[in-house]
Amino acid sequence: MSAASVHLARTESGRLLRNPALWLSLGGAALWAWSEHPALDAEPTYLLLAGYGLVLPGFVMLAITVLAVLRDRQSATGPLTETLPVGPARRTVGHALVSLAAAGVGLLFVAAVVIYHRPGDVLGPSTDTLPAAIDVPRPGLGLLLQGPVALIVLVALGVALARWLPSWLVVIALVIPFAVQFVVLGIWNATPTSAPGWWWPWSSGMVVGEWIGCTPTSALCDLEVGGFDTTTPWWHLGYLAALATLLVTIAVLRHRRDRAVWITFGVAAAAVVVLATVQALVYTPYLAPGA
């Protein structure tokens, strides 16, 4: 890591933190946190603490990162930057280091939500679940850190996309995956919990089965809940760290392909595969009563 990369990271981090779009998205997340009442309905607060409040800010950070990496291309100053003593590989690392500032913003947001709600060991009762009125626990530290670490992955993804697919249109293409992550793979899963759910940046850790009822002829629409997974979130943090490293290495490979970069790529890819497998093996699946 060069001094030039660190200097670029400081500059781009400042630009990220001053961007009005980021603060607008954080304002929406803060409004969500302010409107929740865990004593009446604990699941949304659980989801918020698990990092889902950072999904929209994360998407905004990704878009800002893509535009930052493409700045010289869009302003037609690429030929000038190529004459600098700092090559594109080091500039790529500098842009990737902005992910630390993104994670810092995420940590501050999660800490603010914890201070505001002051959650006890139990957030409150669940609603619309089978069994009814389950005690929803406060997310453990692994889940509390999930959102901030996921932001590191998103910034790294933005850098990799901008290096290999240098167009702002890639941001539009990511709208659907982000909608799937937030709506389908959130706490109210449209499908039963499965091991691949932990391969996405965010996972609720809520062990669920099927929806019961939820038809035009049924007034009942409840979700089977089997408990809360407290083991997999810690493996998930390692998985996210390995994934972020892999994405940054892929971005660097666009301009630099020496032995050190290839070794880093191989180690990171192996770590992603191993940790993804471990997650699939240790997560707690839903077991129906009497199964």
Protein backbone atom coordinates (compact mmCIF):
# COMPACT_ATOMS: atom_id res chain seq x y z
CA MET A 1 0.00 0.00 0.00
CA SER A 2 1.56 3.27 -1.15
CA ALA A 3 1.29 6.76 0.32
CA ALA A 4 -0.39 7.87 -2.91
CA SER A 5 -3.15 5.27 -2.44
CA VAL A 6 -3.74 6.46 1.13
CA HIS A 7 -3.86 10.11 0.03
CA LEU A 8 -6.37 9.29 -2.72
CA ALA A 9 -8.44 7.31 -0.21
CA ARG A 10 -8.58 10.30 2.15
CA THR A 11 -9.64 12.62 -0.67
CA GLU A 12 -12.32 10.29 -2.02
CA SER A 13 -13.55 9.47 1.48
CA GLY A 14 -14.12 13.18 2.07
CA ARG A 15 -16.06 13.44 -1.18
CA LEU A 16 -18.15 10.42 -0.21
CA LEU A 17 -19.01 11.86 3.20
CA ARG A 18 -19.95 15.22 1.70
CA ASN A 19 -22.23 13.75 -0.96
CA PRO A 20 -25.86 14.85 -0.36
CA ALA A 21 -27.21 11.59 -1.83
CA LEU A 22 -25.53 9.62 0.95
CA TRP A 23 -27.03 11.77 3.68
CA LEU A 24 -30.46 11.63 2.04
CA SER A 25 -30.34 7.82 2.09
CA LEU A 26 -29.14 7.82 5.70
CA GLY A 27 -31.98 10.17 6.55
CA GLY A 28 -34.44 7.60 5.24
CA ALA A 29 -32.79 4.91 7.36
CA ALA A 30 -32.92 7.20 10.40
CA LEU A 31 -36.62 7.81 9.80
CA TRP A 32 -37.15 4.04 9.76
CA ALA A 33 -35.31 3.71 13.08
CA TRP A 34 -37.31 6.57 14.63
CA SER A 35 -40.68 5.11 13.58
CA GLU A 36 -40.16 1.63 15.05
CA HIS A 37 -41.66 0.50 18.35
CA PRO A 38 -40.12 -2.87 19.35
CA ALA A 39 -42.56 -3.41 22.20
CA LEU A 40 -45.40 -3.55 19.67
CA ASP A 41 -43.66 -5.26 16.75
CA ALA A 42 -40.08 -6.41 17.24
CA GLU A 43 -39.21 -7.87 13.83
CA PRO A 44 -38.58 -4.54 12.00
CA THR A 45 -36.26 -3.37 14.78
CA TYR A 46 -34.43 -6.70 14.67
CA LEU A 47 -34.02 -6.27 10.91
CA LEU A 48 -32.80 -2.71 11.36
CA LEU A 49 -30.17 -3.73 13.90
CA ALA A 50 -29.07 -6.61 11.64
CA GLY A 51 -27.99 -4.01 9.09
CA TYR A 52 -30.88 -3.82 6.67
CA GLY A 53 -31.19 -0.11 7.30
CA LEU A 54 -27.88 0.21 5.43
CA VAL A 55 -29.05 -1.49 2.23
CA LEU A 56 -30.15 1.74 0.53
CA PRO A 57 -27.16 3.78 1.77
CA GLY A 58 -24.97 0.90 0.59
CA PHE A 59 -26.45 1.08 -2.89
CA VAL A 60 -25.87 4.84 -2.91
CA MET A 61 -22.25 4.33 -1.81
CA LEU A 62 -21.76 1.80 -4.61
CA ALA A 63 -23.11 4.30 -7.16
CA ILE A 64 -20.89 7.09 -5.80
CA THR A 65 -17.88 4.76 -5.97
CA VAL A 66 -18.57 3.79 -9.59
CA LEU A 67 -18.84 7.45 -10.60
CA ALA A 68 -15.67 8.33 -8.66
CA VAL A 69 -13.61 5.63 -10.38
CA LEU A 70 -15.01 6.70 -13.77
CA ARG A 71 -14.39 10.41 -13.13
CA ASP A 72 -11.30 10.66 -15.34
CA ARG A 73 -13.05 8.75 -18.12
CA GLN A 74 -16.18 10.91 -18.01
CA SER A 75 -14.16 14.14 -17.92
CA ALA A 76 -11.86 12.92 -20.73
CA THR A 77 -8.79 13.35 -18.53
CA GLY A 78 -7.72 9.71 -18.78
CA PRO A 79 -4.67 10.46 -20.97
CA LEU A 80 -3.48 12.99 -18.37
CA THR A 81 -3.77 10.58 -15.43
CA GLU A 82 -1.83 7.97 -17.38
CA THR A 83 1.19 10.30 -17.29
CA LEU A 84 1.21 10.39 -13.49
CA PRO A 85 3.86 8.40 -11.57
CA VAL A 86 1.02 6.65 -9.70
CA GLY A 87 -0.37 3.93 -11.95
CA PRO A 88 -4.01 2.83 -12.26
CA ALA A 89 -3.45 -0.17 -9.97
CA ARG A 90 -2.49 2.07 -7.05
CA ARG A 91 -5.38 4.40 -7.80
CA THR A 92 -7.66 1.36 -7.73
CA VAL A 93 -6.38 0.46 -4.26
CA GLY A 94 -6.97 4.05 -3.16
CA HIS A 95 -10.59 3.93 -4.29
CA ALA A 96 -11.03 0.57 -2.55
CA LEU A 97 -9.75 2.00 0.75
CA VAL A 98 -12.75 4.33 0.76
CA SER A 99 -14.66 1.24 1.93
CA LEU A 100 -13.18 1.84 5.40
CA ALA A 101 -14.90 5.22 5.54
CA ALA A 102 -18.12 3.57 4.37
CA ALA A 103 -17.83 0.98 7.14
CA GLY A 104 -17.24 3.77 9.65
CA VAL A 105 -20.49 5.44 8.57
CA GLY A 106 -22.27 2.10 8.97
CA LEU A 107 -20.86 1.59 12.46
CA LEU A 108 -21.98 5.03 13.55
CA PHE A 109 -25.48 4.38 12.22
CA VAL A 110 -25.81 1.03 13.99
CA ALA A 111 -24.44 2.53 17.20
CA ALA A 112 -26.95 5.39 16.95
CA VAL A 113 -29.85 2.94 16.51
CA VAL A 114 -28.66 0.92 19.53
CA ILE A 115 -28.38 4.08 21.66
CA TYR A 116 -31.80 5.32 20.52
CA HIS A 117 -33.69 2.07 21.18
CA ARG A 118 -31.53 0.83 24.10
CA PRO A 119 -32.54 -2.76 23.39
CA GLY A 120 -32.55 -5.37 26.13
CA ASP A 121 -31.85 -9.06 25.62
CA VAL A 122 -35.36 -9.37 24.15
CA LEU A 123 -36.58 -6.71 21.73
CA GLY A 124 -40.23 -7.63 22.07
CA PRO A 125 -42.86 -10.01 20.69
CA SER A 126 -43.22 -11.04 17.07
CA THR A 127 -46.39 -10.56 15.05
CA ASP A 128 -47.85 -12.70 12.28
CA THR A 129 -45.73 -15.72 13.17
CA LEU A 130 -46.28 -19.34 14.08
CA PRO A 131 -45.90 -19.82 17.00
CA ALA A 132 -47.45 -16.46 17.85
CA ALA A 133 -45.72 -13.73 19.86
CA ILE A 134 -42.21 -15.22 19.77
CA ASP A 135 -39.68 -13.33 21.89
CA VAL A 136 -37.40 -11.67 19.33
CA PRO A 137 -33.86 -11.44 20.75
CA ARG A 138 -31.50 -8.54 20.32
CA PRO A 139 -29.12 -9.39 17.42
CA GLY A 140 -25.71 -10.55 18.58
CA LEU A 141 -22.52 -8.66 17.82
CA GLY A 142 -21.98 -10.70 14.65
CA LEU A 143 -25.25 -9.47 13.16
CA LEU A 144 -24.73 -5.92 14.43
CA LEU A 145 -21.45 -5.78 12.49
CA GLN A 146 -22.95 -7.34 9.37
CA GLY A 147 -24.22 -4.07 7.86
CA PRO A 148 -20.97 -2.08 8.19
CA VAL A 149 -18.88 -4.97 6.81
CA ALA A 150 -21.36 -5.43 3.95
CA LEU A 151 -20.69 -1.79 3.00
CA ILE A 152 -17.02 -2.69 2.49
CA VAL A 153 -18.12 -5.37 0.04
CA LEU A 154 -20.36 -2.94 -1.86
CA VAL A 155 -17.63 -0.31 -2.28
CA ALA A 156 -15.22 -3.04 -3.44
CA LEU A 157 -17.87 -4.24 -5.89
CA GLY A 158 -18.26 -0.70 -7.21
CA VAL A 159 -14.51 -0.42 -7.84
CA ALA A 160 -14.39 -3.80 -9.61
CA LEU A 161 -17.39 -2.98 -11.79
CA ALA A 162 -16.02 0.43 -12.76
CA ARG A 163 -12.66 -1.07 -13.74
CA TRP A 164 -14.01 -3.95 -15.83
CA LEU A 165 -17.33 -2.48 -17.03
CA PRO A 166 -16.53 1.24 -17.26
CA SER A 167 -20.05 2.62 -17.54
CA TRP A 168 -22.42 4.19 -15.03
CA LEU A 169 -25.19 2.04 -16.57
CA VAL A 170 -24.00 -0.91 -14.46
CA VAL A 171 -25.53 0.86 -11.45
CA ILE A 172 -28.99 0.66 -13.03
CA ALA A 173 -28.50 -3.06 -13.69
CA LEU A 174 -27.93 -3.60 -9.95
CA VAL A 175 -31.32 -2.21 -8.89
CA ILE A 176 -33.01 -5.61 -9.21
CA PRO A 177 -30.42 -7.56 -7.13
CA PHE A 178 -30.68 -4.92 -4.40
CA ALA A 179 -34.47 -5.15 -4.43
CA VAL A 180 -34.20 -8.94 -4.09
CA GLN A 181 -31.76 -8.58 -1.19
CA PHE A 182 -34.01 -6.18 0.70
CA VAL A 183 -37.50 -7.52 -0.07
CA VAL A 184 -37.16 -11.24 -0.80
CA LEU A 185 -34.16 -12.04 1.40
CA GLY A 186 -35.11 -9.79 4.29
CA ILE A 187 -36.67 -10.90 7.54
CA TRP A 188 -40.01 -11.60 5.84
CA ASN A 189 -38.59 -14.15 3.42
CA ALA A 190 -40.76 -15.02 0.44
CA THR A 191 -39.07 -18.44 0.39
CA PRO A 192 -37.95 -20.77 3.19
CA THR A 193 -34.58 -20.09 4.78
CA SER A 194 -31.75 -21.90 3.02
CA ALA A 195 -27.97 -22.01 3.16
CA PRO A 196 -27.48 -19.87 -0.01
CA GLY A 197 -29.23 -17.03 1.83
CA TRP A 198 -25.96 -16.50 3.72
CA TRP A 199 -24.09 -15.97 0.44
CA TRP A 200 -25.68 -12.55 0.01
CA PRO A 201 -24.25 -9.54 1.86
CA TRP A 202 -27.16 -9.36 4.32
CA SER A 203 -28.94 -12.18 6.09
CA SER A 204 -31.40 -11.84 8.96
CA GLY A 205 -30.29 -14.97 10.80
CA MET A 206 -33.96 -15.73 11.39
CA VAL A 207 -34.69 -19.43 10.86
CA VAL A 208 -37.99 -19.63 9.01
CA GLY A 209 -40.10 -22.23 7.25
CA GLU A 210 -43.08 -21.59 4.98
CA TRP A 211 -45.79 -18.97 4.86
CA ILE A 212 -49.08 -20.36 6.15
CA GLY A 213 -52.25 -19.19 4.43
CA CYS A 214 -51.61 -15.97 2.50
CA THR A 215 -54.19 -16.77 -0.19
CA PRO A 216 -57.20 -14.77 -1.40
CA THR A 217 -59.47 -17.21 0.43
CA SER A 218 -57.49 -17.24 3.71
CA ALA A 219 -57.52 -14.53 6.35
CA LEU A 220 -54.41 -16.11 7.90
CA CYS A 221 -50.96 -15.09 6.68
CA ASP A 222 -48.29 -16.17 9.15
CA LEU A 223 -44.67 -17.20 8.83
CA GLU A 224 -43.31 -20.32 10.53
CA VAL A 225 -40.36 -19.37 12.74
CA GLY A 226 -37.96 -21.88 14.24
CA GLY A 227 -35.53 -19.58 16.03
CA PHE A 228 -32.51 -17.34 15.46
CA ASP A 229 -29.13 -18.47 14.16
CA THR A 230 -26.33 -17.10 16.38
CA THR A 231 -23.41 -19.14 14.98
CA THR A 232 -23.40 -18.43 11.25
CA PRO A 233 -23.18 -14.60 11.55
CA TRP A 234 -19.59 -14.85 12.77
CA TRP A 235 -18.59 -17.02 9.81
CA HIS A 236 -20.49 -14.60 7.59
CA LEU A 237 -18.26 -11.70 8.66
CA GLY A 238 -15.20 -13.67 7.57
CA TYR A 239 -16.94 -14.54 4.30
CA LEU A 240 -17.68 -10.86 3.63
CA ALA A 241 -14.08 -9.86 4.38
CA ALA A 242 -12.78 -12.51 1.99
CA LEU A 243 -15.29 -11.46 -0.66
CA ALA A 244 -14.25 -7.81 -0.39
CA THR A 245 -10.58 -8.79 -0.77
CA LEU A 246 -11.42 -10.87 -3.82
CA LEU A 247 -13.35 -8.02 -5.45
CA VAL A 248 -10.52 -5.54 -4.87
CA THR A 249 -8.02 -8.01 -6.31
CA ILE A 250 -10.22 -8.50 -9.37
CA ALA A 251 -10.26 -4.72 -9.83
CA VAL A 252 -6.45 -4.53 -9.54
CA LEU A 253 -6.08 -7.34 -12.11
CA ARG A 254 -7.47 -4.97 -14.73
CA HIS A 255 -4.11 -3.18 -14.77
CA ARG A 256 -1.60 -5.29 -12.84
CA ARG A 257 -1.08 -9.04 -13.15
CA ASP A 258 2.13 -9.91 -11.39
CA ARG A 259 2.71 -12.90 -9.13
CA ALA A 260 1.74 -11.12 -5.89
CA VAL A 261 -1.66 -10.10 -7.26
CA TRP A 262 -2.40 -13.59 -8.59
CA ILE A 263 -1.44 -15.16 -5.25
CA THR A 264 -3.75 -12.73 -3.43
CA PHE A 265 -6.51 -13.56 -5.89
CA GLY A 266 -6.06 -17.31 -5.34
CA VAL A 267 -6.00 -17.05 -1.55
CA ALA A 268 -9.04 -14.76 -1.46
CA ALA A 269 -11.00 -16.96 -3.87
CA ALA A 270 -10.19 -20.06 -1.83
CA ALA A 271 -11.25 -18.29 1.38
CA VAL A 272 -14.56 -17.26 -0.19
CA VAL A 273 -15.29 -20.85 -1.28
CA VAL A 274 -14.28 -22.34 2.09
CA LEU A 275 -16.26 -19.84 4.16
CA ALA A 276 -19.30 -20.11 1.88
CA THR A 277 -19.19 -23.87 2.40
CA VAL A 278 -18.79 -23.51 6.16
CA GLN A 279 -21.82 -21.21 6.26
CA ALA A 280 -23.87 -23.77 4.37
CA LEU A 281 -22.84 -26.48 6.83
CA VAL A 282 -23.29 -24.66 10.14
CA TYR A 283 -26.42 -22.60 9.55
CA THR A 284 -29.48 -23.72 11.48
CA PRO A 285 -32.28 -24.85 9.13
CA TYR A 286 -35.94 -24.63 10.08
CA LEU A 287 -37.42 -27.78 11.60
CA ALA A 288 -41.18 -28.04 11.65
CA PRO A 289 -42.72 -29.06 15.00
CA GLY A 290 -42.54 -32.83 15.37
CA ALA A 291 -39.96 -33.23 12.60
